[in-house]
Amino acid sequence: MDVKNPFESPTTFRLHRAEYVAAWLTVNVFLIMHWSEIRWLPALVLFAYIDLLGYLPGAIAFRRSPNGRISKNYYLAYNLMHSMITQGAVIVIWGLTIGWEWALLAIPWHIFGDRGIWGNFLKPFSLPFEPHAAPGYRRLIDELSAGDLGAADDGRAPAAAGVSVR
């Protein structure tokens, strides 16, 4: 994945997820270390509101849709609620207004778990709301794996044939 090719191969996707698993495990260490100091009701609310506002409405709409097409507003809600920028702002606002507390770890635990454990990243508008294999992606990966990279768009020679993207 780079600025000219903003997609991930299966291998880079697994590596990307592994980074989030490492972050999720780090949050787990802090949760265990401060278990008795965590206010669990706020932690539960901070964990759950992300999906209550960002995922569940879109998931319900998707399942109710006869053709799987739903409003892009559901994608926007998901991406907004699952953004580390948004959730970082929530953490800062909570910390400055309510106070800094270990319950705030519920937010990175949720985001890092979604990305690392479940493989759920932000949702592109061009794909179904729920994960479904896109035939075009499979063709792209197969083509790149075969080493048929085609001409570069900037006039440079294509990369060496046989480059594995897996």
N, C-alpha and C. Protein backbone atom coordinates (compact mmCIF):
# COMPACT_ATOMS: atom_id res chain seq x y z
N MET A 1 0.85 -1.17 0.00
CA MET A 1 0.00 0.00 0.00
C MET A 1 0.90 1.23 0.00
N ASP A 2 0.58 2.15 -0.87
CA ASP A 2 1.30 3.41 -0.90
C ASP A 2 0.36 4.49 -1.41
N VAL A 3 0.88 5.70 -1.57
CA VAL A 3 0.05 6.83 -1.95
C VAL A 3 -0.58 6.65 -3.34
N LYS A 4 0.07 5.91 -4.22
CA LYS A 4 -0.45 5.69 -5.57
C LYS A 4 -1.32 4.42 -5.65
N ASN A 5 -1.24 3.56 -4.64
CA ASN A 5 -1.97 2.29 -4.63
C ASN A 5 -2.58 2.07 -3.24
N PRO A 6 -3.66 2.78 -2.95
CA PRO A 6 -4.21 2.75 -1.58
C PRO A 6 -5.09 1.52 -1.32
N PHE A 7 -4.49 0.36 -1.38
CA PHE A 7 -5.17 -0.88 -1.02
C PHE A 7 -4.15 -1.75 -0.31
N GLU A 8 -4.62 -2.80 0.31
CA GLU A 8 -3.72 -3.69 1.00
C GLU A 8 -3.78 -5.08 0.39
N SER A 9 -2.65 -5.71 0.33
CA SER A 9 -2.61 -7.11 -0.07
C SER A 9 -3.01 -7.94 1.16
N PRO A 10 -3.29 -9.22 0.99
CA PRO A 10 -3.60 -10.04 2.16
C PRO A 10 -2.50 -10.02 3.22
N THR A 11 -1.25 -10.00 2.80
CA THR A 11 -0.15 -9.99 3.78
C THR A 11 -0.06 -8.66 4.51
N THR A 12 -0.14 -7.54 3.78
CA THR A 12 -0.06 -6.26 4.48
C THR A 12 -1.28 -6.04 5.36
N PHE A 13 -2.43 -6.58 4.97
CA PHE A 13 -3.62 -6.51 5.81
C PHE A 13 -3.38 -7.25 7.13
N ARG A 14 -2.80 -8.44 7.06
CA ARG A 14 -2.50 -9.21 8.29
C ARG A 14 -1.49 -8.47 9.15
N LEU A 15 -0.48 -7.86 8.52
CA LEU A 15 0.51 -7.10 9.29
C LEU A 15 -0.12 -5.87 9.94
N HIS A 16 -1.00 -5.20 9.21
CA HIS A 16 -1.71 -4.04 9.74
C HIS A 16 -2.55 -4.46 10.95
N ARG A 17 -3.26 -5.57 10.82
CA ARG A 17 -4.04 -6.09 11.95
C ARG A 17 -3.14 -6.45 13.12
N ALA A 18 -1.99 -7.03 12.85
CA ALA A 18 -1.07 -7.43 13.93
C ALA A 18 -0.63 -6.23 14.75
N GLU A 19 -0.44 -5.10 14.11
CA GLU A 19 -0.07 -3.89 14.86
C GLU A 19 -1.18 -3.51 15.84
N TYR A 20 -2.43 -3.63 15.39
CA TYR A 20 -3.55 -3.31 16.27
C TYR A 20 -3.73 -4.35 17.36
N VAL A 21 -3.43 -5.61 17.07
CA VAL A 21 -3.48 -6.63 18.12
C VAL A 21 -2.46 -6.29 19.20
N ALA A 22 -1.27 -5.86 18.80
CA ALA A 22 -0.24 -5.48 19.78
C ALA A 22 -0.73 -4.31 20.64
N ALA A 23 -1.37 -3.33 20.01
CA ALA A 23 -1.92 -2.20 20.77
C ALA A 23 -3.04 -2.67 21.69
N TRP A 24 -3.91 -3.56 21.21
CA TRP A 24 -5.01 -4.10 22.00
C TRP A 24 -4.47 -4.87 23.21
N LEU A 25 -3.41 -5.65 23.00
CA LEU A 25 -2.80 -6.38 24.11
C LEU A 25 -2.19 -5.42 25.13
N THR A 26 -1.61 -4.33 24.67
CA THR A 26 -1.06 -3.32 25.58
C THR A 26 -2.17 -2.72 26.43
N VAL A 27 -3.30 -2.40 25.81
CA VAL A 27 -4.45 -1.89 26.57
C VAL A 27 -4.91 -2.92 27.58
N ASN A 28 -4.89 -4.20 27.21
CA ASN A 28 -5.27 -5.26 28.14
C ASN A 28 -4.37 -5.28 29.37
N VAL A 29 -3.09 -5.05 29.17
CA VAL A 29 -2.16 -5.01 30.30
C VAL A 29 -2.56 -3.89 31.26
N PHE A 30 -2.85 -2.71 30.72
CA PHE A 30 -3.28 -1.60 31.58
C PHE A 30 -4.61 -1.88 32.26
N LEU A 31 -5.53 -2.53 31.56
CA LEU A 31 -6.81 -2.90 32.17
C LEU A 31 -6.60 -3.84 33.35
N ILE A 32 -5.73 -4.81 33.18
CA ILE A 32 -5.45 -5.76 34.25
C ILE A 32 -4.75 -5.07 35.41
N MET A 33 -3.76 -4.24 35.09
CA MET A 33 -3.00 -3.54 36.14
C MET A 33 -3.88 -2.62 36.98
N HIS A 34 -4.92 -2.05 36.37
CA HIS A 34 -5.75 -1.05 37.06
C HIS A 34 -7.20 -1.52 37.23
N TRP A 35 -7.40 -2.82 37.20
CA TRP A 35 -8.72 -3.43 37.27
C TRP A 35 -9.58 -2.86 38.40
N SER A 36 -9.03 -2.76 39.56
CA SER A 36 -9.82 -2.30 40.72
C SER A 36 -10.07 -0.79 40.71
N GLU A 37 -9.36 -0.06 39.87
CA GLU A 37 -9.53 1.39 39.79
C GLU A 37 -10.51 1.82 38.70
N ILE A 38 -10.99 0.87 37.91
CA ILE A 38 -11.86 1.19 36.77
C ILE A 38 -13.29 1.33 37.25
N ARG A 39 -13.93 2.42 36.85
CA ARG A 39 -15.38 2.57 37.06
C ARG A 39 -16.04 1.84 35.89
N TRP A 40 -16.67 0.72 36.20
CA TRP A 40 -17.12 -0.18 35.15
C TRP A 40 -18.36 0.29 34.40
N LEU A 41 -19.25 1.01 35.03
CA LEU A 41 -20.42 1.51 34.30
C LEU A 41 -20.00 2.51 33.21
N PRO A 42 -19.19 3.52 33.54
CA PRO A 42 -18.71 4.41 32.46
C PRO A 42 -17.89 3.66 31.40
N ALA A 43 -17.10 2.67 31.83
CA ALA A 43 -16.31 1.90 30.87
C ALA A 43 -17.23 1.16 29.90
N LEU A 44 -18.29 0.57 30.42
CA LEU A 44 -19.24 -0.15 29.56
C LEU A 44 -19.92 0.81 28.59
N VAL A 45 -20.32 1.98 29.08
CA VAL A 45 -20.95 2.98 28.21
C VAL A 45 -19.98 3.45 27.13
N LEU A 46 -18.74 3.74 27.52
CA LEU A 46 -17.74 4.19 26.56
C LEU A 46 -17.43 3.12 25.51
N PHE A 47 -17.46 1.87 25.91
CA PHE A 47 -17.25 0.78 24.98
C PHE A 47 -18.43 0.63 24.03
N ALA A 48 -19.64 0.64 24.57
CA ALA A 48 -20.83 0.28 23.80
C ALA A 48 -21.35 1.39 22.88
N TYR A 49 -21.19 2.65 23.29
CA TYR A 49 -21.81 3.72 22.50
C TYR A 49 -21.24 3.80 21.08
N ILE A 50 -20.02 3.37 20.90
CA ILE A 50 -19.39 3.40 19.58
C ILE A 50 -20.21 2.56 18.59
N ASP A 51 -20.58 1.35 19.00
CA ASP A 51 -21.36 0.49 18.11
C ASP A 51 -22.84 0.82 18.13
N LEU A 52 -23.34 1.28 19.28
CA LEU A 52 -24.76 1.64 19.34
C LEU A 52 -25.09 2.77 18.36
N LEU A 53 -24.19 3.72 18.23
CA LEU A 53 -24.40 4.84 17.31
C LEU A 53 -23.80 4.60 15.93
N GLY A 54 -22.68 3.89 15.87
CA GLY A 54 -21.94 3.78 14.63
C GLY A 54 -22.14 2.52 13.82
N TYR A 55 -22.44 1.41 14.48
CA TYR A 55 -22.54 0.15 13.74
C TYR A 55 -23.97 -0.39 13.65
N LEU A 56 -24.64 -0.48 14.76
CA LEU A 56 -25.95 -1.14 14.77
C LEU A 56 -26.97 -0.54 13.80
N PRO A 57 -27.11 0.78 13.71
CA PRO A 57 -28.09 1.30 12.74
C PRO A 57 -27.80 0.85 11.30
N GLY A 58 -26.55 0.89 10.90
CA GLY A 58 -26.19 0.45 9.55
C GLY A 58 -26.36 -1.04 9.36
N ALA A 59 -26.02 -1.83 10.38
CA ALA A 59 -26.18 -3.28 10.28
C ALA A 59 -27.65 -3.65 10.14
N ILE A 60 -28.51 -2.99 10.89
CA ILE A 60 -29.94 -3.26 10.80
C ILE A 60 -30.46 -2.85 9.42
N ALA A 61 -30.09 -1.66 8.97
CA ALA A 61 -30.53 -1.19 7.66
C ALA A 61 -30.05 -2.14 6.56
N PHE A 62 -28.80 -2.60 6.66
CA PHE A 62 -28.25 -3.50 5.65
C PHE A 62 -29.03 -4.81 5.61
N ARG A 63 -29.32 -5.37 6.77
CA ARG A 63 -30.05 -6.63 6.82
C ARG A 63 -31.49 -6.49 6.35
N ARG A 64 -32.06 -5.31 6.53
CA ARG A 64 -33.44 -5.06 6.09
C ARG A 64 -33.52 -4.70 4.60
N SER A 65 -32.42 -4.28 4.03
CA SER A 65 -32.42 -3.86 2.64
C SER A 65 -32.57 -5.07 1.72
N PRO A 66 -33.47 -5.01 0.75
CA PRO A 66 -33.64 -6.15 -0.16
C PRO A 66 -32.43 -6.38 -1.08
N ASN A 67 -31.66 -5.33 -1.33
CA ASN A 67 -30.53 -5.46 -2.25
C ASN A 67 -29.18 -5.12 -1.61
N GLY A 68 -29.17 -4.88 -0.30
CA GLY A 68 -27.91 -4.56 0.38
C GLY A 68 -27.47 -3.12 0.25
N ARG A 69 -28.22 -2.30 -0.45
CA ARG A 69 -27.87 -0.89 -0.62
C ARG A 69 -28.50 -0.10 0.52
N ILE A 70 -27.68 0.70 1.17
CA ILE A 70 -28.17 1.55 2.25
C ILE A 70 -27.58 2.95 2.09
N SER A 71 -28.15 3.89 2.80
CA SER A 71 -27.69 5.27 2.74
C SER A 71 -26.22 5.38 3.16
N LYS A 72 -25.51 6.25 2.48
CA LYS A 72 -24.11 6.51 2.84
C LYS A 72 -24.00 7.12 4.24
N ASN A 73 -25.11 7.63 4.76
CA ASN A 73 -25.10 8.18 6.12
C ASN A 73 -24.73 7.11 7.15
N TYR A 74 -25.09 5.86 6.89
CA TYR A 74 -24.71 4.77 7.80
C TYR A 74 -23.20 4.55 7.78
N TYR A 75 -22.61 4.66 6.60
CA TYR A 75 -21.16 4.54 6.48
C TYR A 75 -20.48 5.70 7.21
N LEU A 76 -21.03 6.91 7.01
CA LEU A 76 -20.47 8.08 7.70
C LEU A 76 -20.54 7.92 9.21
N ALA A 77 -21.69 7.43 9.71
CA ALA A 77 -21.84 7.22 11.15
C ALA A 77 -20.83 6.20 11.65
N TYR A 78 -20.68 5.10 10.92
CA TYR A 78 -19.72 4.07 11.32
C TYR A 78 -18.30 4.66 11.36
N ASN A 79 -17.92 5.31 10.27
CA ASN A 79 -16.56 5.83 10.17
C ASN A 79 -16.29 6.92 11.19
N LEU A 80 -17.26 7.76 11.45
CA LEU A 80 -17.10 8.81 12.46
C LEU A 80 -16.93 8.19 13.85
N MET A 81 -17.77 7.24 14.18
CA MET A 81 -17.70 6.63 15.51
C MET A 81 -16.50 5.71 15.68
N HIS A 82 -15.98 5.16 14.62
CA HIS A 82 -14.83 4.26 14.71
C HIS A 82 -13.52 4.95 14.33
N SER A 83 -13.54 6.25 14.24
CA SER A 83 -12.34 7.02 13.94
C SER A 83 -11.54 7.24 15.22
N MET A 84 -10.25 7.03 15.14
CA MET A 84 -9.41 7.31 16.31
C MET A 84 -9.32 8.81 16.55
N ILE A 85 -9.56 9.61 15.53
CA ILE A 85 -9.59 11.07 15.72
C ILE A 85 -10.80 11.44 16.58
N THR A 86 -11.97 10.93 16.19
CA THR A 86 -13.19 11.20 16.97
C THR A 86 -13.04 10.69 18.39
N GLN A 87 -12.61 9.46 18.52
CA GLN A 87 -12.53 8.86 19.86
C GLN A 87 -11.42 9.49 20.69
N GLY A 88 -10.36 9.94 20.05
CA GLY A 88 -9.34 10.70 20.77
C GLY A 88 -9.91 11.99 21.34
N ALA A 89 -10.75 12.65 20.53
CA ALA A 89 -11.41 13.88 21.00
C ALA A 89 -12.34 13.57 22.17
N VAL A 90 -13.08 12.46 22.09
CA VAL A 90 -13.96 12.06 23.20
C VAL A 90 -13.14 11.85 24.47
N ILE A 91 -12.01 11.16 24.34
CA ILE A 91 -11.15 10.92 25.49
C ILE A 91 -10.67 12.23 26.10
N VAL A 92 -10.21 13.15 25.26
CA VAL A 92 -9.72 14.44 25.76
C VAL A 92 -10.84 15.24 26.41
N ILE A 93 -12.00 15.30 25.77
CA ILE A 93 -13.13 16.05 26.35
C ILE A 93 -13.56 15.43 27.67
N TRP A 94 -13.66 14.11 27.71
CA TRP A 94 -14.01 13.41 28.96
C TRP A 94 -12.97 13.72 30.04
N GLY A 95 -11.72 13.57 29.67
CA GLY A 95 -10.65 13.81 30.64
C GLY A 95 -10.66 15.21 31.20
N LEU A 96 -10.90 16.19 30.35
CA LEU A 96 -10.89 17.59 30.80
C LEU A 96 -12.15 17.98 31.55
N THR A 97 -13.27 17.34 31.25
CA THR A 97 -14.53 17.73 31.90
C THR A 97 -14.93 16.82 33.06
N ILE A 98 -14.82 15.52 32.87
CA ILE A 98 -15.22 14.57 33.91
C ILE A 98 -14.02 14.14 34.73
N GLY A 99 -12.90 14.02 34.07
CA GLY A 99 -11.66 13.62 34.75
C GLY A 99 -11.00 12.46 34.02
N TRP A 100 -9.69 12.40 34.16
CA TRP A 100 -8.92 11.33 33.54
C TRP A 100 -9.09 10.08 34.40
N GLU A 101 -9.48 9.01 33.77
CA GLU A 101 -9.74 7.78 34.53
C GLU A 101 -9.48 6.57 33.65
N TRP A 102 -9.30 5.43 34.32
CA TRP A 102 -8.97 4.20 33.62
C TRP A 102 -10.14 3.67 32.79
N ALA A 103 -11.36 4.08 33.06
CA ALA A 103 -12.51 3.67 32.25
C ALA A 103 -12.34 4.10 30.79
N LEU A 104 -11.56 5.14 30.56
CA LEU A 104 -11.33 5.62 29.19
C LEU A 104 -10.60 4.58 28.33
N LEU A 105 -9.97 3.60 28.96
CA LEU A 105 -9.31 2.54 28.19
C LEU A 105 -10.31 1.72 27.37
N ALA A 106 -11.59 1.80 27.72
CA ALA A 106 -12.61 1.06 26.96
C ALA A 106 -12.64 1.51 25.50
N ILE A 107 -12.32 2.76 25.25
CA ILE A 107 -12.37 3.27 23.87
C ILE A 107 -11.26 2.67 23.01
N PRO A 108 -9.99 2.78 23.39
CA PRO A 108 -8.99 2.13 22.55
C PRO A 108 -9.13 0.61 22.54
N TRP A 109 -9.62 0.03 23.63
CA TRP A 109 -9.83 -1.42 23.66
C TRP A 109 -10.81 -1.80 22.56
N HIS A 110 -11.87 -1.02 22.40
CA HIS A 110 -12.87 -1.27 21.36
C HIS A 110 -12.28 -1.09 19.97
N ILE A 111 -11.67 0.06 19.72
CA ILE A 111 -11.15 0.36 18.38
C ILE A 111 -10.04 -0.61 17.98
N PHE A 112 -9.07 -0.82 18.88
CA PHE A 112 -7.96 -1.72 18.56
C PHE A 112 -8.45 -3.16 18.40
N GLY A 113 -9.44 -3.57 19.19
CA GLY A 113 -10.01 -4.90 19.04
C GLY A 113 -10.74 -5.06 17.72
N ASP A 114 -11.53 -4.05 17.36
CA ASP A 114 -12.22 -4.11 16.07
C ASP A 114 -11.23 -4.29 14.93
N ARG A 115 -10.17 -3.54 14.95
CA ARG A 115 -9.22 -3.58 13.84
C ARG A 115 -8.30 -4.79 13.91
N GLY A 116 -7.78 -5.07 15.08
CA GLY A 116 -6.82 -6.17 15.20
C GLY A 116 -7.46 -7.54 15.28
N ILE A 117 -8.45 -7.71 16.15
CA ILE A 117 -9.07 -9.01 16.35
C ILE A 117 -10.05 -9.34 15.23
N TRP A 118 -10.92 -8.41 14.91
CA TRP A 118 -12.00 -8.67 13.94
C TRP A 118 -11.67 -8.23 12.52
N GLY A 119 -10.64 -7.41 12.33
CA GLY A 119 -10.27 -6.97 10.98
C GLY A 119 -11.19 -5.91 10.41
N ASN A 120 -11.90 -5.20 11.27
CA ASN A 120 -12.83 -4.16 10.82
C ASN A 120 -12.16 -2.80 10.87
N PHE A 121 -11.95 -2.22 9.70
CA PHE A 121 -11.39 -0.89 9.58
C PHE A 121 -12.51 0.04 9.12
N LEU A 122 -12.20 1.25 8.73
CA LEU A 122 -13.22 2.16 8.26
C LEU A 122 -13.87 1.60 6.99
N LYS A 123 -15.13 1.94 6.77
CA LYS A 123 -15.91 1.36 5.68
C LYS A 123 -15.88 2.24 4.43
N PRO A 124 -15.41 1.70 3.30
CA PRO A 124 -15.48 2.46 2.04
C PRO A 124 -16.90 2.43 1.48
N PHE A 125 -17.33 3.53 0.92
CA PHE A 125 -18.68 3.64 0.35
C PHE A 125 -18.92 2.64 -0.78
N SER A 126 -17.87 2.24 -1.46
CA SER A 126 -18.02 1.41 -2.65
C SER A 126 -18.21 -0.08 -2.35
N LEU A 127 -18.16 -0.46 -1.08
CA LEU A 127 -18.35 -1.87 -0.71
C LEU A 127 -19.61 -2.01 0.13
N PRO A 128 -20.16 -3.22 0.21
CA PRO A 128 -21.32 -3.42 1.08
C PRO A 128 -20.97 -3.07 2.53
N PHE A 129 -22.00 -2.67 3.28
CA PHE A 129 -21.78 -2.27 4.68
C PHE A 129 -21.20 -3.43 5.49
N GLU A 130 -21.71 -4.62 5.27
CA GLU A 130 -21.17 -5.81 5.93
C GLU A 130 -20.17 -6.48 4.99
N PRO A 131 -19.13 -7.10 5.54
CA PRO A 131 -18.09 -7.68 4.68
C PRO A 131 -18.62 -8.73 3.70
N HIS A 132 -18.30 -8.54 2.45
CA HIS A 132 -18.57 -9.48 1.37
C HIS A 132 -17.37 -9.40 0.42
N ALA A 133 -16.98 -10.55 -0.09
CA ALA A 133 -15.84 -10.57 -1.02
C ALA A 133 -16.19 -9.78 -2.28
N ALA A 134 -15.29 -8.90 -2.67
CA ALA A 134 -15.48 -8.11 -3.90
C ALA A 134 -14.70 -8.78 -5.02
N PRO A 135 -15.39 -9.24 -6.07
CA PRO A 135 -14.70 -9.93 -7.17
C PRO A 135 -13.58 -9.09 -7.78
N GLY A 136 -13.76 -7.79 -7.87
CA GLY A 136 -12.73 -6.93 -8.44
C GLY A 136 -11.44 -6.95 -7.62
N TYR A 137 -11.58 -7.01 -6.30
CA TYR A 137 -10.39 -7.08 -5.44
C TYR A 137 -9.66 -8.40 -5.67
N ARG A 138 -10.40 -9.49 -5.75
CA ARG A 138 -9.78 -10.80 -5.98
C ARG A 138 -9.03 -10.80 -7.31
N ARG A 139 -9.65 -10.21 -8.36
CA ARG A 139 -8.97 -10.14 -9.66
C ARG A 139 -7.70 -9.30 -9.58
N LEU A 140 -7.76 -8.18 -8.85
CA LEU A 140 -6.59 -7.33 -8.69
C LEU A 140 -5.46 -8.09 -8.01
N ILE A 141 -5.76 -8.75 -6.91
CA ILE A 141 -4.73 -9.50 -6.18
C ILE A 141 -4.17 -10.61 -7.06
N ASP A 142 -5.03 -11.32 -7.77
CA ASP A 142 -4.55 -12.38 -8.67
C ASP A 142 -3.64 -11.81 -9.75
N GLU A 143 -4.02 -10.66 -10.33
CA GLU A 143 -3.21 -10.04 -11.37
C GLU A 143 -1.85 -9.60 -10.82
N LEU A 144 -1.86 -8.97 -9.66
CA LEU A 144 -0.61 -8.52 -9.07
C LEU A 144 0.27 -9.70 -8.66
N SER A 145 -0.34 -10.75 -8.18
CA SER A 145 0.42 -11.94 -7.78
C SER A 145 1.08 -12.61 -8.98
N ALA A 146 0.44 -12.48 -10.14
CA ALA A 146 0.98 -13.08 -11.36
C ALA A 146 2.16 -12.28 -11.90
N GLY A 147 2.38 -11.09 -11.34
CA GLY A 147 3.49 -10.27 -11.79
C GLY A 147 3.16 -9.38 -12.97
N ASP A 148 1.90 -9.36 -13.40
CA ASP A 148 1.47 -8.53 -14.52
C ASP A 148 1.06 -7.17 -13.99
N LEU A 149 2.05 -6.35 -13.70
CA LEU A 149 1.78 -5.08 -13.04
C LEU A 149 1.43 -3.96 -14.01
N GLY A 150 1.63 -4.17 -15.30
CA GLY A 150 1.27 -3.14 -16.28
C GLY A 150 2.21 -1.95 -16.22
N ALA A 151 1.91 -0.96 -17.04
CA ALA A 151 2.73 0.24 -17.09
C ALA A 151 2.44 1.14 -15.91
N ALA A 152 3.47 1.72 -15.38
CA ALA A 152 3.29 2.67 -14.27
C ALA A 152 2.62 3.93 -14.81
N ASP A 153 1.81 4.60 -13.98
CA ASP A 153 1.08 5.77 -14.45
C ASP A 153 1.92 7.03 -14.53
N ASP A 154 3.15 6.96 -14.10
CA ASP A 154 4.00 8.16 -14.14
C ASP A 154 5.12 8.03 -15.17
N GLY A 155 5.00 7.04 -16.05
CA GLY A 155 5.97 6.89 -17.11
C GLY A 155 7.17 6.04 -16.74
N ARG A 156 7.31 5.69 -15.47
CA ARG A 156 8.42 4.82 -15.09
C ARG A 156 8.11 3.40 -15.47
N ALA A 157 9.13 2.58 -15.54
CA ALA A 157 8.95 1.17 -15.84
C ALA A 157 8.19 0.50 -14.70
N PRO A 158 7.39 -0.52 -15.02
CA PRO A 158 6.69 -1.22 -13.95
C PRO A 158 7.66 -1.97 -13.05
N ALA A 159 7.20 -2.30 -11.86
CA ALA A 159 8.04 -3.04 -10.92
C ALA A 159 8.39 -4.40 -11.50
N ALA A 160 9.37 -5.04 -10.93
CA ALA A 160 9.84 -6.33 -11.40
C ALA A 160 8.71 -7.36 -11.40
N ALA A 161 8.68 -8.18 -12.44
CA ALA A 161 7.66 -9.23 -12.53
C ALA A 161 7.90 -10.24 -11.42
N GLY A 162 6.82 -10.87 -11.02
CA GLY A 162 6.92 -11.91 -10.02
C GLY A 162 6.87 -11.39 -8.60
N VAL A 163 6.62 -10.11 -8.40
CA VAL A 163 6.53 -9.55 -7.05
C VAL A 163 5.31 -10.13 -6.39
N SER A 164 5.48 -10.72 -5.24
CA SER A 164 4.35 -11.31 -4.53
C SER A 164 3.64 -10.27 -3.68
N VAL A 165 2.32 -10.26 -3.75
CA VAL A 165 1.54 -9.34 -2.93
C VAL A 165 0.84 -10.08 -1.79
N ARG A 166 1.06 -11.32 -1.68
CA ARG A 166 0.38 -12.11 -0.65
C ARG A 166 1.07 -11.92 0.64
